[in-house]
Amino acid sequence: MTPSVPSSPAVSTPPPVPAVAPAPPPPAPSQQTAVPSPIAPTPTYAAAPSAPYAGSMLPPKSLAVAYVLWFFFGLFGIHHFYLGKTGRGLLWLFTLALATVGLWIDLFTLPAQVRQVNAQRAVGIR
């Protein structure tokens, strides 16, 4: 006969540890829902009108109108007011076109001035 090993009642086996349930698999891409952001996204717009004109671009100034104003009222700088150059218009008004020297300068530079103003108006500067 084989000797039997006495069991000791003081020694006990620890209780089994419950198994941790695995995390559920991530949802399929078609089932994913977007988590709302605490900050609302800022909407973007193509272009906001910068002036109260009906179109997105201001109408161009006319060289013919500028020369007519220069011819009749150039001594008072009215053509500069027409082009939106208020400071220069006031200078011409109070100095009588810089003692008429400004009239001769404007005779030759008025086309370039009108082109410059129209380019600025096209991009919304004036």
Protein backbone atom coordinates (compact mmCIF):
# COMPACT_ATOMS: atom_id res chain seq x y z
CA MET A 1 0.00 0.00 0.00
CA THR A 2 1.05 3.46 -0.61
CA PRO A 3 1.06 5.85 2.17
CA SER A 4 -1.53 8.53 1.90
CA VAL A 5 -0.60 12.13 2.26
CA PRO A 6 -2.61 13.79 4.94
CA SER A 7 -4.30 16.96 3.82
CA SER A 8 -3.96 19.94 5.99
CA PRO A 9 -7.09 21.94 6.52
CA ALA A 10 -5.14 25.21 7.14
CA VAL A 11 -3.88 25.46 3.57
CA SER A 12 -6.46 26.51 1.06
CA THR A 13 -6.27 27.46 -2.55
CA PRO A 14 -7.04 31.07 -3.48
CA PRO A 15 -10.34 31.72 -5.17
CA PRO A 16 -10.17 31.89 -8.94
CA VAL A 17 -9.63 35.39 -10.39
CA PRO A 18 -12.47 36.41 -12.67
CA ALA A 19 -11.32 36.90 -16.21
CA VAL A 20 -11.42 40.47 -17.56
CA ALA A 21 -13.85 40.76 -20.41
CA PRO A 22 -12.15 41.84 -23.60
CA ALA A 23 -13.02 45.28 -24.96
CA PRO A 24 -15.67 45.23 -27.65
CA PRO A 25 -14.27 45.57 -31.16
CA PRO A 26 -14.44 49.05 -32.71
CA PRO A 27 -17.50 49.66 -34.87
CA ALA A 28 -17.23 49.33 -38.59
CA PRO A 29 -16.39 52.57 -40.44
CA SER A 30 -19.95 52.87 -41.67
CA GLN A 31 -21.25 52.68 -38.10
CA GLN A 32 -18.88 55.23 -36.57
CA THR A 33 -20.50 58.36 -35.28
CA ALA A 34 -18.76 61.70 -35.03
CA VAL A 35 -18.21 63.01 -31.57
CA PRO A 36 -19.57 66.56 -31.41
CA SER A 37 -16.87 69.10 -30.82
CA PRO A 38 -17.33 71.48 -27.91
CA ILE A 39 -16.30 74.32 -30.23
CA ALA A 40 -18.53 74.87 -33.23
CA PRO A 41 -16.61 75.08 -36.50
CA THR A 42 -16.40 78.49 -38.08
CA PRO A 43 -18.15 78.59 -41.44
CA THR A 44 -16.02 79.77 -44.33
CA TYR A 45 -17.34 81.98 -47.07
CA ALA A 46 -15.92 82.52 -50.53
CA ALA A 47 -15.77 86.31 -50.37
CA ALA A 48 -17.61 88.85 -48.34
CA PRO A 49 -18.48 92.05 -50.16
CA SER A 50 -16.38 94.89 -48.83
CA ALA A 51 -18.58 97.66 -50.14
CA PRO A 52 -22.30 98.28 -50.39
CA TYR A 53 -22.23 97.92 -54.17
CA ALA A 54 -24.56 95.31 -55.69
CA GLY A 55 -21.74 93.42 -57.42
CA SER A 56 -18.54 92.09 -55.99
CA MET A 57 -16.52 94.74 -57.84
CA LEU A 58 -16.98 98.50 -57.87
CA PRO A 59 -17.62 100.02 -61.29
CA PRO A 60 -14.53 101.50 -62.95
CA LYS A 61 -13.98 105.24 -63.22
CA SER A 62 -14.09 106.73 -66.70
CA LEU A 63 -11.07 108.47 -68.17
CA ALA A 64 -13.36 110.61 -70.35
CA VAL A 65 -15.32 111.85 -67.33
CA ALA A 66 -12.07 112.56 -65.49
CA TYR A 67 -10.76 114.65 -68.43
CA VAL A 68 -14.07 116.57 -68.75
CA LEU A 69 -13.95 117.38 -65.02
CA TRP A 70 -10.27 118.32 -65.37
CA PHE A 71 -10.99 120.63 -68.29
CA PHE A 72 -13.88 122.52 -66.69
CA PHE A 73 -13.13 122.26 -62.95
CA GLY A 74 -9.48 121.20 -62.81
CA LEU A 75 -8.40 124.38 -61.08
CA PHE A 76 -10.56 123.30 -58.11
CA GLY A 77 -9.47 119.64 -58.15
CA ILE A 78 -12.92 118.21 -58.87
CA HIS A 79 -11.40 115.43 -61.00
CA HIS A 80 -9.45 114.26 -57.94
CA PHE A 81 -12.63 114.14 -55.87
CA TYR A 82 -14.18 112.05 -58.67
CA LEU A 83 -11.28 109.60 -58.45
CA GLY A 84 -11.65 109.35 -54.69
CA LYS A 85 -8.48 111.28 -53.89
CA THR A 86 -9.97 113.61 -51.31
CA GLY A 87 -6.68 114.85 -49.90
CA ARG A 88 -5.31 115.81 -53.27
CA GLY A 89 -8.65 117.35 -54.22
CA LEU A 90 -8.55 119.57 -51.14
CA LEU A 91 -4.95 120.54 -51.91
CA TRP A 92 -5.93 121.53 -55.45
CA LEU A 93 -9.00 123.37 -54.15
CA PHE A 94 -7.14 125.51 -51.60
CA THR A 95 -4.04 126.20 -53.72
CA LEU A 96 -5.79 126.53 -57.11
CA ALA A 97 -4.06 123.42 -58.45
CA LEU A 98 -0.71 124.39 -56.94
CA ALA A 99 -0.77 127.69 -58.84
CA THR A 100 -1.87 125.89 -62.05
CA VAL A 101 1.29 123.74 -62.20
CA GLY A 102 -0.83 120.78 -61.07
CA LEU A 103 -3.10 121.22 -64.08
CA TRP A 104 -0.21 120.63 -66.47
CA ILE A 105 0.96 117.61 -64.49
CA ASP A 106 -2.56 116.14 -64.47
CA LEU A 107 -2.89 116.69 -68.21
CA PHE A 108 -0.28 113.96 -68.79
CA THR A 109 -0.70 111.77 -65.70
CA LEU A 110 -4.50 111.50 -65.59
CA PRO A 111 -4.66 108.21 -67.59
CA ALA A 112 -2.23 106.54 -65.17
CA GLN A 113 -4.16 107.91 -62.19
CA VAL A 114 -7.44 106.49 -63.53
CA ARG A 115 -5.79 103.08 -64.21
CA GLN A 116 -4.40 103.02 -60.68
CA VAL A 117 -7.76 103.89 -59.10
CA ASN A 118 -9.56 101.27 -61.22
CA ALA A 119 -7.03 98.59 -60.24
CA GLN A 120 -7.48 99.47 -56.57
CA ARG A 121 -11.26 99.38 -56.91
CA ALA A 122 -11.09 95.98 -58.60
CA VAL A 123 -9.44 94.45 -55.53
CA GLY A 124 -11.58 96.41 -53.07
CA ILE A 125 -9.08 98.98 -51.79
CA ARG A 126 -10.99 102.12 -52.83
